[in-house]
Amino acid sequence: MKLDHEAKGTALAFAAAIISGFAIFANKIFVVDLDPLVFTAVRAMLVGALFFSLSIATHGFSQGRPNGKVWQYLLAIGIVGGGLAFYLFFSGLQLTTA
């Protein structure tokens, strides 16, 4: 049973690598004509809405509704780990000539 679990993990890792590699080229195409801040904001809102919808559709808030402090932590993580990092990445990507 462990081998099946490990094989599934390996397959998912390869799939993530392929998607990530393709995403760099796709992002370069989109970010050339757009402001990196706008692109980052739109992307974050779409992904956030998708994952929030999936969370509600599948399990809801099975651990209880998050309180205000948890939302503050999630917002901080999203801004620093997602928003700022991707803004810098897309800004740099826009400046490349390749």
PDB file of N, CA and C in Angstrom:
ATOM      1  N   MET A   1       0.817  -1.197   0.000  1.00  0.00           N
ATOM      2  CA  MET A   1       0.000   0.000   0.000  1.00  0.00           C
ATOM      3  C   MET A   1       0.862   1.263   0.000  1.00  0.00           C
ATOM      4  N   LYS A   2       2.022   1.189   0.654  1.00  0.00           N
ATOM      5  CA  LYS A   2       2.901   2.348   0.715  1.00  0.00           C
ATOM      6  C   LYS A   2       3.410   2.734  -0.667  1.00  0.00           C
ATOM      7  N   LEU A   3       3.689   1.747  -1.486  1.00  0.00           N
ATOM      8  CA  LEU A   3       4.184   2.018  -2.828  1.00  0.00           C
ATOM      9  C   LEU A   3       3.144   2.777  -3.647  1.00  0.00           C
ATOM     10  N   ASP A   4       1.885   2.412  -3.534  1.00  0.00           N
ATOM     11  CA  ASP A   4       0.832   3.116  -4.261  1.00  0.00           C
ATOM     12  C   ASP A   4       0.748   4.566  -3.808  1.00  0.00           C
ATOM     13  N   HIS A   5       0.852   4.776  -2.508  1.00  0.00           N
ATOM     14  CA  HIS A   5       0.801   6.126  -1.959  1.00  0.00           C
ATOM     15  C   HIS A   5       2.011   6.933  -2.433  1.00  0.00           C
ATOM     16  N   GLU A   6       3.174   6.308  -2.441  1.00  0.00           N
ATOM     17  CA  GLU A   6       4.396   6.969  -2.896  1.00  0.00           C
ATOM     18  C   GLU A   6       4.342   7.255  -4.392  1.00  0.00           C
ATOM     19  N   ALA A   7       3.816   6.329  -5.163  1.00  0.00           N
ATOM     20  CA  ALA A   7       3.691   6.533  -6.608  1.00  0.00           C
ATOM     21  C   ALA A   7       2.737   7.685  -6.912  1.00  0.00           C
ATOM     22  N   LYS A   8       1.670   7.770  -6.161  1.00  0.00           N
ATOM     23  CA  LYS A   8       0.724   8.873  -6.352  1.00  0.00           C
ATOM     24  C   LYS A   8       1.395  10.203  -6.032  1.00  0.00           C
ATOM     25  N   GLY A   9       2.161  10.243  -4.948  1.00  0.00           N
ATOM     26  CA  GLY A   9       2.877  11.461  -4.583  1.00  0.00           C
ATOM     27  C   GLY A   9       3.891  11.870  -5.638  1.00  0.00           C
ATOM     28  N   THR A  10       4.600  10.894  -6.180  1.00  0.00           N
ATOM     29  CA  THR A  10       5.578  11.173  -7.233  1.00  0.00           C
ATOM     30  C   THR A  10       4.894  11.702  -8.488  1.00  0.00           C
ATOM     31  N   ALA A  11       3.788  11.098  -8.861  1.00  0.00           N
ATOM     32  CA  ALA A  11       3.041  11.556 -10.036  1.00  0.00           C
ATOM     33  C   ALA A  11       2.530  12.979  -9.838  1.00  0.00           C
ATOM     34  N   LEU A  12       2.043  13.278  -8.653  1.00  0.00           N
ATOM     35  CA  LEU A  12       1.565  14.635  -8.373  1.00  0.00           C
ATOM     36  C   LEU A  12       2.710  15.643  -8.395  1.00  0.00           C
ATOM     37  N   ALA A  13       3.880  15.245  -7.901  1.00  0.00           N
ATOM     38  CA  ALA A  13       5.048  16.132  -7.927  1.00  0.00           C
ATOM     39  C   ALA A  13       5.471  16.430  -9.366  1.00  0.00           C
ATOM     40  N   PHE A  14       5.484  15.406 -10.220  1.00  0.00           N
ATOM     41  CA  PHE A  14       5.813  15.623 -11.629  1.00  0.00           C
ATOM     42  C   PHE A  14       4.772  16.512 -12.306  1.00  0.00           C
ATOM     43  N   ALA A  15       3.510  16.297 -12.013  1.00  0.00           N
ATOM     44  CA  ALA A  15       2.453  17.128 -12.592  1.00  0.00           C
ATOM     45  C   ALA A  15       2.619  18.583 -12.162  1.00  0.00           C
ATOM     46  N   ALA A  16       2.939  18.805 -10.891  1.00  0.00           N
ATOM     47  CA  ALA A  16       3.152  20.167 -10.399  1.00  0.00           C
ATOM     48  C   ALA A  16       4.346  20.815 -11.089  1.00  0.00           C
ATOM     49  N   ALA A  17       5.411  20.056 -11.316  1.00  0.00           N
ATOM     50  CA  ALA A  17       6.595  20.587 -11.994  1.00  0.00           C
ATOM     51  C   ALA A  17       6.280  20.974 -13.435  1.00  0.00           C
ATOM     52  N   ILE A  18       5.504  20.152 -14.117  1.00  0.00           N
ATOM     53  CA  ILE A  18       5.139  20.448 -15.508  1.00  0.00           C
ATOM     54  C   ILE A  18       4.257  21.690 -15.573  1.00  0.00           C
ATOM     55  N   ILE A  19       3.270  21.762 -14.702  1.00  0.00           N
ATOM     56  CA  ILE A  19       2.380  22.927 -14.677  1.00  0.00           C
ATOM     57  C   ILE A  19       3.159  24.181 -14.329  1.00  0.00           C
ATOM     58  N   SER A  20       4.033  24.093 -13.344  1.00  0.00           N
ATOM     59  CA  SER A  20       4.829  25.244 -12.935  1.00  0.00           C
ATOM     60  C   SER A  20       5.747  25.707 -14.061  1.00  0.00           C
ATOM     61  N   GLY A  21       6.368  24.771 -14.743  1.00  0.00           N
ATOM     62  CA  GLY A  21       7.243  25.127 -15.858  1.00  0.00           C
ATOM     63  C   GLY A  21       6.493  25.793 -16.993  1.00  0.00           C
ATOM     64  N   PHE A  22       5.325  25.299 -17.307  1.00  0.00           N
ATOM     65  CA  PHE A  22       4.509  25.905 -18.351  1.00  0.00           C
ATOM     66  C   PHE A  22       4.000  27.277 -17.921  1.00  0.00           C
ATOM     67  N   ALA A  23       3.693  27.430 -16.640  1.00  0.00           N
ATOM     68  CA  ALA A  23       3.123  28.679 -16.134  1.00  0.00           C
ATOM     69  C   ALA A  23       4.088  29.848 -16.294  1.00  0.00           C
ATOM     70  N   ILE A  24       5.384  29.598 -16.185  1.00  0.00           N
ATOM     71  CA  ILE A  24       6.353  30.685 -16.339  1.00  0.00           C
ATOM     72  C   ILE A  24       6.253  31.287 -17.738  1.00  0.00           C
ATOM     73  N   PHE A  25       6.193  30.441 -18.757  1.00  0.00           N
ATOM     74  CA  PHE A  25       6.069  30.941 -20.126  1.00  0.00           C
ATOM     75  C   PHE A  25       4.721  31.622 -20.350  1.00  0.00           C
ATOM     76  N   ALA A  26       3.659  31.047 -19.832  1.00  0.00           N
ATOM     77  CA  ALA A  26       2.328  31.644 -19.985  1.00  0.00           C
ATOM     78  C   ALA A  26       2.254  32.991 -19.276  1.00  0.00           C
ATOM     79  N   ASN A  27       2.829  33.082 -18.080  1.00  0.00           N
ATOM     80  CA  ASN A  27       2.818  34.347 -17.347  1.00  0.00           C
ATOM     81  C   ASN A  27       3.586  35.422 -18.094  1.00  0.00           C
ATOM     82  N   LYS A  28       4.682  35.068 -18.731  1.00  0.00           N
ATOM     83  CA  LYS A  28       5.457  36.039 -19.507  1.00  0.00           C
ATOM     84  C   LYS A  28       4.609  36.620 -20.624  1.00  0.00           C
ATOM     85  N   ILE A  29       3.815  35.794 -21.268  1.00  0.00           N
ATOM     86  CA  ILE A  29       2.953  36.268 -22.349  1.00  0.00           C
ATOM     87  C   ILE A  29       1.920  37.261 -21.819  1.00  0.00           C
ATOM     88  N   PHE A  30       1.314  36.950 -20.671  1.00  0.00           N
ATOM     89  CA  PHE A  30       0.259  37.808 -20.130  1.00  0.00           C
ATOM     90  C   PHE A  30       0.799  39.087 -19.508  1.00  0.00           C
ATOM     91  N   VAL A  31       1.948  39.015 -18.854  1.00  0.00           N
ATOM     92  CA  VAL A  31       2.426  40.152 -18.079  1.00  0.00           C
ATOM     93  C   VAL A  31       3.094  41.216 -18.950  1.00  0.00           C
ATOM     94  N   VAL A  32       3.392  40.905 -20.206  1.00  0.00           N
ATOM     95  CA  VAL A  32       4.036  41.876 -21.088  1.00  0.00           C
ATOM     96  C   VAL A  32       3.147  43.097 -21.284  1.00  0.00           C
ATOM     97  N   ASP A  33       1.866  42.889 -21.470  1.00  0.00           N
ATOM     98  CA  ASP A  33       0.947  43.986 -21.762  1.00  0.00           C
ATOM     99  C   ASP A  33       0.180  44.489 -20.544  1.00  0.00           C
ATOM    100  N   LEU A  34       0.363  43.880 -19.399  1.00  0.00           N
ATOM    101  CA  LEU A  34      -0.386  44.265 -18.203  1.00  0.00           C
ATOM    102  C   LEU A  34       0.546  44.790 -17.123  1.00  0.00           C
ATOM    103  N   ASP A  35      -0.008  45.610 -16.260  1.00  0.00           N
ATOM    104  CA  ASP A  35       0.719  46.038 -15.076  1.00  0.00           C
ATOM    105  C   ASP A  35       0.859  44.835 -14.144  1.00  0.00           C
ATOM    106  N   PRO A  36       2.069  44.547 -13.662  1.00  0.00           N
ATOM    107  CA  PRO A  36       2.254  43.379 -12.799  1.00  0.00           C
ATOM    108  C   PRO A  36       1.386  43.401 -11.538  1.00  0.00           C
ATOM    109  N   LEU A  37       1.119  44.592 -11.009  1.00  0.00           N
ATOM    110  CA  LEU A  37       0.281  44.687  -9.816  1.00  0.00           C
ATOM    111  C   LEU A  37      -1.155  44.280 -10.124  1.00  0.00           C
ATOM    112  N   VAL A  38      -1.674  44.715 -11.252  1.00  0.00           N
ATOM    113  CA  VAL A  38      -3.035  44.345 -11.656  1.00  0.00           C
ATOM    114  C   VAL A  38      -3.110  42.844 -11.923  1.00  0.00           C
ATOM    115  N   PHE A  39      -2.119  42.317 -12.630  1.00  0.00           N
ATOM    116  CA  PHE A  39      -2.098  40.886 -12.933  1.00  0.00           C
ATOM    117  C   PHE A  39      -2.060  40.063 -11.651  1.00  0.00           C
ATOM    118  N   THR A  40      -1.230  40.483 -10.689  1.00  0.00           N
ATOM    119  CA  THR A  40      -1.130  39.774  -9.413  1.00  0.00           C
ATOM    120  C   THR A  40      -2.447  39.834  -8.653  1.00  0.00           C
ATOM    121  N   ALA A  41      -3.076  41.012  -8.615  1.00  0.00           N
ATOM    122  CA  ALA A  41      -4.326  41.172  -7.877  1.00  0.00           C
ATOM    123  C   ALA A  41      -5.448  40.335  -8.484  1.00  0.00           C
ATOM    124  N   VAL A  42      -5.582  40.376  -9.791  1.00  0.00           N
ATOM    125  CA  VAL A  42      -6.641  39.603 -10.455  1.00  0.00           C
ATOM    126  C   VAL A  42      -6.409  38.115 -10.261  1.00  0.00           C
ATOM    127  N   ARG A  43      -5.174  37.691 -10.419  1.00  0.00           N
ATOM    128  CA  ARG A  43      -4.846  36.274 -10.239  1.00  0.00           C
ATOM    129  C   ARG A  43      -5.138  35.824  -8.809  1.00  0.00           C
ATOM    130  N   ALA A  44      -4.751  36.625  -7.840  1.00  0.00           N
ATOM    131  CA  ALA A  44      -4.981  36.267  -6.437  1.00  0.00           C
ATOM    132  C   ALA A  44      -6.475  36.192  -6.117  1.00  0.00           C
ATOM    133  N   MET A  45      -7.253  37.125  -6.640  1.00  0.00           N
ATOM    134  CA  MET A  45      -8.695  37.102  -6.377  1.00  0.00           C
ATOM    135  C   MET A  45      -9.363  35.881  -7.005  1.00  0.00           C
ATOM    136  N   LEU A  46      -8.968  35.550  -8.226  1.00  0.00           N
ATOM    137  CA  LEU A  46      -9.557  34.380  -8.883  1.00  0.00           C
ATOM    138  C   LEU A  46      -9.197  33.088  -8.156  1.00  0.00           C
ATOM    139  N   VAL A  47      -7.941  32.934  -7.803  1.00  0.00           N
ATOM    140  CA  VAL A  47      -7.514  31.723  -7.098  1.00  0.00           C
ATOM    141  C   VAL A  47      -8.142  31.663  -5.708  1.00  0.00           C
ATOM    142  N   GLY A  48      -8.195  32.795  -5.021  1.00  0.00           N
ATOM    143  CA  GLY A  48      -8.819  32.829  -3.700  1.00  0.00           C
ATOM    144  C   GLY A  48     -10.287  32.457  -3.754  1.00  0.00           C
ATOM    145  N   ALA A  49     -11.001  33.000  -4.729  1.00  0.00           N
ATOM    146  CA  ALA A  49     -12.420  32.671  -4.877  1.00  0.00           C
ATOM    147  C   ALA A  49     -12.615  31.194  -5.209  1.00  0.00           C
ATOM    148  N   LEU A  50     -11.742  30.655  -6.052  1.00  0.00           N
ATOM    149  CA  LEU A  50     -11.832  29.241  -6.409  1.00  0.00           C
ATOM    150  C   LEU A  50     -11.622  28.349  -5.188  1.00  0.00           C
ATOM    151  N   PHE A  51     -10.554  28.602  -4.430  1.00  0.00           N
ATOM    152  CA  PHE A  51     -10.278  27.759  -3.273  1.00  0.00           C
ATOM    153  C   PHE A  51     -11.302  27.950  -2.157  1.00  0.00           C
ATOM    154  N   PHE A  52     -11.812  29.153  -1.985  1.00  0.00           N
ATOM    155  CA  PHE A  52     -12.853  29.377  -0.986  1.00  0.00           C
ATOM    156  C   PHE A  52     -14.113  28.607  -1.374  1.00  0.00           C
ATOM    157  N   SER A  53     -14.469  28.657  -2.657  1.00  0.00           N
ATOM    158  CA  SER A  53     -15.643  27.919  -3.133  1.00  0.00           C
ATOM    159  C   SER A  53     -15.465  26.417  -2.971  1.00  0.00           C
ATOM    160  N   LEU A  54     -14.278  25.915  -3.308  1.00  0.00           N
ATOM    161  CA  LEU A  54     -14.007  24.487  -3.131  1.00  0.00           C
ATOM    162  C   LEU A  54     -14.072  24.088  -1.667  1.00  0.00           C
ATOM    163  N   SER A  55     -13.585  24.947  -0.807  1.00  0.00           N
ATOM    164  CA  SER A  55     -13.620  24.656   0.629  1.00  0.00           C
ATOM    165  C   SER A  55     -15.052  24.549   1.134  1.00  0.00           C
ATOM    166  N   ILE A  56     -15.877  25.478   0.732  1.00  0.00           N
ATOM    167  CA  ILE A  56     -17.278  25.465   1.154  1.00  0.00           C
ATOM    168  C   ILE A  56     -18.003  24.262   0.549  1.00  0.00           C
ATOM    169  N   ALA A  57     -17.737  23.978  -0.730  1.00  0.00           N
ATOM    170  CA  ALA A  57     -18.440  22.892  -1.418  1.00  0.00           C
ATOM    171  C   ALA A  57     -18.062  21.520  -0.885  1.00  0.00           C
ATOM    172  N   THR A  58     -16.836  21.348  -0.444  1.00  0.00           N
ATOM    173  CA  THR A  58     -16.399  20.018  -0.026  1.00  0.00           C
ATOM    174  C   THR A  58     -16.567  19.769   1.463  1.00  0.00           C
ATOM    175  N   HIS A  59     -16.056  20.637   2.279  1.00  0.00           N
ATOM    176  CA  HIS A  59     -16.081  20.387   3.720  1.00  0.00           C
ATOM    177  C   HIS A  59     -16.709  21.516   4.526  1.00  0.00           C
ATOM    178  N   GLY A  60     -16.861  22.662   3.914  1.00  0.00           N
ATOM    179  CA  GLY A  60     -17.331  23.791   4.695  1.00  0.00           C
ATOM    180  C   GLY A  60     -16.288  24.156   5.732  1.00  0.00           C
ATOM    181  N   PHE A  61     -16.731  24.668   6.830  1.00  0.00           N
ATOM    182  CA  PHE A  61     -15.829  24.991   7.931  1.00  0.00           C
ATOM    183  C   PHE A  61     -15.980  23.910   8.985  1.00  0.00           C
ATOM    184  N   SER A  62     -15.458  22.726   8.702  1.00  0.00           N
ATOM    185  CA  SER A  62     -15.624  21.588   9.609  1.00  0.00           C
ATOM    186  C   SER A  62     -14.917  21.800  10.945  1.00  0.00           C
ATOM    187  N   GLN A  63     -13.919  22.655  10.979  1.00  0.00           N
ATOM    188  CA  GLN A  63     -13.212  22.949  12.227  1.00  0.00           C
ATOM    189  C   GLN A  63     -13.820  24.157  12.939  1.00  0.00           C
ATOM    190  N   GLY A  64     -14.948  24.631  12.471  1.00  0.00           N
ATOM    191  CA  GLY A  64     -15.557  25.831  13.027  1.00  0.00           C
ATOM    192  C   GLY A  64     -15.145  27.035  12.192  1.00  0.00           C
ATOM    193  N   ARG A  65     -15.896  28.085  12.304  1.00  0.00           N
ATOM    194  CA  ARG A  65     -15.574  29.290  11.535  1.00  0.00           C
ATOM    195  C   ARG A  65     -14.337  29.957  12.119  1.00  0.00           C
ATOM    196  N   PRO A  66     -13.416  30.392  11.262  1.00  0.00           N
ATOM    197  CA  PRO A  66     -12.211  31.067  11.756  1.00  0.00           C
ATOM    198  C   PRO A  66     -12.572  32.377  12.447  1.00  0.00           C
ATOM    199  N   ASN A  67     -11.847  32.683  13.512  1.00  0.00           N
ATOM    200  CA  ASN A  67     -12.097  33.946  14.207  1.00  0.00           C
ATOM    201  C   ASN A  67     -11.288  35.065  13.559  1.00  0.00           C
ATOM    202  N   GLY A  68     -11.424  36.262  14.090  1.00  0.00           N
ATOM    203  CA  GLY A  68     -10.763  37.430  13.511  1.00  0.00           C
ATOM    204  C   GLY A  68      -9.256  37.322  13.476  1.00  0.00           C
ATOM    205  N   LYS A  69      -8.665  36.745  14.510  1.00  0.00           N
ATOM    206  CA  LYS A  69      -7.209  36.615  14.571  1.00  0.00           C
ATOM    207  C   LYS A  69      -6.698  35.683  13.474  1.00  0.00           C
ATOM    208  N   VAL A  70      -7.407  34.585  13.237  1.00  0.00           N
ATOM    209  CA  VAL A  70      -7.009  33.648  12.182  1.00  0.00           C
ATOM    210  C   VAL A  70      -7.089  34.329  10.816  1.00  0.00           C
ATOM    211  N   TRP A  71      -8.144  35.110  10.582  1.00  0.00           N
ATOM    212  CA  TRP A  71      -8.274  35.822   9.312  1.00  0.00           C
ATOM    213  C   TRP A  71      -7.133  36.819   9.134  1.00  0.00           C
ATOM    214  N   GLN A  72      -6.711  37.472  10.221  1.00  0.00           N
ATOM    215  CA  GLN A  72      -5.586  38.406  10.135  1.00  0.00           C
ATOM    216  C   GLN A  72      -4.309  37.681   9.730  1.00  0.00           C
ATOM    217  N   TYR A  73      -4.066  36.522  10.332  1.00  0.00           N
ATOM    218  CA  TYR A  73      -2.886  35.734   9.967  1.00  0.00           C
ATOM    219  C   TYR A  73      -2.955  35.284   8.507  1.00  0.00           C
ATOM    220  N   LEU A  74      -4.117  34.817   8.090  1.00  0.00           N
ATOM    221  CA  LEU A  74      -4.277  34.381   6.701  1.00  0.00           C
ATOM    222  C   LEU A  74      -4.064  35.534   5.724  1.00  0.00           C
ATOM    223  N   LEU A  75      -4.567  36.701   6.067  1.00  0.00           N
ATOM    224  CA  LEU A  75      -4.383  37.875   5.218  1.00  0.00           C
ATOM    225  C   LEU A  75      -2.906  38.255   5.134  1.00  0.00           C
ATOM    226  N   ALA A  76      -2.214  38.243   6.269  1.00  0.00           N
ATOM    227  CA  ALA A  76      -0.784  38.573   6.277  1.00  0.00           C
ATOM    228  C   ALA A  76       0.019  37.566   5.453  1.00  0.00           C
ATOM    229  N   ILE A  77      -0.281  36.290   5.614  1.00  0.00           N
ATOM    230  CA  ILE A  77       0.410  35.257   4.836  1.00  0.00           C
ATOM    231  C   ILE A  77       0.127  35.441   3.347  1.00  0.00           C
ATOM    232  N   GLY A  78      -1.119  35.744   3.011  1.00  0.00           N
ATOM    233  CA  GLY A  78      -1.478  35.944   1.610  1.00  0.00           C
ATOM    234  C   GLY A  78      -0.782  37.141   0.989  1.00  0.00           C
ATOM    235  N   ILE A  79      -0.682  38.235   1.743  1.00  0.00           N
ATOM    236  CA  ILE A  79      -0.038  39.436   1.209  1.00  0.00           C
ATOM    237  C   ILE A  79       1.460  39.223   1.034  1.00  0.00           C
ATOM    238  N   VAL A  80       2.113  38.721   2.070  1.00  0.00           N
ATOM    239  CA  VAL A  80       3.570  38.557   2.013  1.00  0.00           C
ATOM    240  C   VAL A  80       3.961  37.364   1.150  1.00  0.00           C
ATOM    241  N   GLY A  81       3.349  36.219   1.389  1.00  0.00           N
ATOM    242  CA  GLY A  81       3.738  34.999   0.687  1.00  0.00           C
ATOM    243  C   GLY A  81       3.189  34.885  -0.710  1.00  0.00           C
ATOM    244  N   GLY A  82       2.112  35.554  -0.986  1.00  0.00           N
ATOM    245  CA  GLY A  82       1.507  35.462  -2.307  1.00  0.00           C
ATOM    246  C   GLY A  82       1.589  36.768  -3.068  1.00  0.00           C
ATOM    247  N   GLY A  83       0.963  37.782  -2.542  1.00  0.00           N
ATOM    248  CA  GLY A  83       0.875  39.056  -3.251  1.00  0.00           C
ATOM    249  C   GLY A  83       2.216  39.707  -3.524  1.00  0.00           C
ATOM    250  N   LEU A  84       2.993  39.920  -2.491  1.00  0.00           N
ATOM    251  CA  LEU A  84       4.282  40.594  -2.653  1.00  0.00           C
ATOM    252  C   LEU A  84       5.250  39.752  -3.479  1.00  0.00           C
ATOM    253  N   ALA A  85       5.315  38.474  -3.172  1.00  0.00           N
ATOM    254  CA  ALA A  85       6.241  37.598  -3.901  1.00  0.00           C
ATOM    255  C   ALA A  85       5.897  37.536  -5.385  1.00  0.00           C
ATOM    256  N   PHE A  86       4.624  37.373  -5.706  1.00  0.00           N
ATOM    257  CA  PHE A  86       4.242  37.289  -7.113  1.00  0.00           C
ATOM    258  C   PHE A  86       4.348  38.641  -7.808  1.00  0.00           C
ATOM    259  N   TYR A  87       4.089  39.733  -7.095  1.00  0.00           N
ATOM    260  CA  TYR A  87       4.270  41.058  -7.695  1.00  0.00           C
ATOM    261  C   TYR A  87       5.729  41.255  -8.102  1.00  0.00           C
ATOM    262  N   LEU A  88       6.648  40.909  -7.210  1.00  0.00           N
ATOM    263  CA  LEU A  88       8.069  41.030  -7.541  1.00  0.00           C
ATOM    264  C   LEU A  88       8.451  40.095  -8.688  1.00  0.00           C
ATOM    265  N   PHE A  89       7.928  38.881  -8.667  1.00  0.00           N
ATOM    266  CA  PHE A  89       8.216  37.918  -9.741  1.00  0.00           C
ATOM    267  C   PHE A  89       7.720  38.432 -11.085  1.00  0.00           C
ATOM    268  N   PHE A  90       6.478  38.910 -11.145  1.00  0.00           N
ATOM    269  CA  PHE A  90       5.918  39.380 -12.407  1.00  0.00           C
ATOM    270  C   PHE A  90       6.574  40.678 -12.861  1.00  0.00           C
ATOM    271  N   SER A  91       6.987  41.524 -11.914  1.00  0.00           N
ATOM    272  CA  SER A  91       7.718  42.737 -12.291  1.00  0.00           C
ATOM    273  C   SER A  91       9.045  42.370 -12.940  1.00  0.00           C
ATOM    274  N   GLY A  92       9.752  41.428 -12.348  1.00  0.00           N
ATOM    275  CA  GLY A  92      11.006  40.969 -12.939  1.00  0.00           C
ATOM    276  C   GLY A  92      10.791  40.280 -14.273  1.00  0.00           C
ATOM    277  N   LEU A  93       9.738  39.495 -14.368  1.00  0.00           N
ATOM    278  CA  LEU A  93       9.432  38.784 -15.610  1.00  0.00           C
ATOM    279  C   LEU A  93       9.127  39.763 -16.737  1.00  0.00           C
ATOM    280  N   GLN A  94       8.478  40.867 -16.396  1.00  0.00           N
ATOM    281  CA  GLN A  94       8.145  41.867 -17.400  1.00  0.00           C
ATOM    282  C   GLN A  94       9.410  42.554 -17.932  1.00  0.00           C
ATOM    283  N   LEU A  95      10.431  42.645 -17.110  1.00  0.00           N
ATOM    284  CA  LEU A  95      11.664  43.320 -17.511  1.00  0.00           C
ATOM    285  C   LEU A  95      12.603  42.435 -18.327  1.00  0.00           C
ATOM    286  N   THR A  96      12.368  41.132 -18.340  1.00  0.00           N
ATOM    287  CA  THR A  96      13.253  40.241 -19.087  1.00  0.00           C
ATOM    288  C   THR A  96      12.992  40.352 -20.579  1.00  0.00           C
ATOM    289  N   THR A  97      14.010  40.059 -21.351  1.00  0.00           N
ATOM    290  CA  THR A  97      13.863  40.119 -22.807  1.00  0.00           C
ATOM    291  C   THR A  97      13.587  38.748 -23.411  1.00  0.00           C
ATOM    292  N   ALA A  98      13.780  37.715 -22.648  1.00  0.00           N
ATOM    293  CA  ALA A  98      13.589  36.353 -23.172  1.00  0.00           C
ATOM    294  C   ALA A  98      12.125  35.996 -23.258  1.00  0.00           C
TER     295      ALA A  98
END
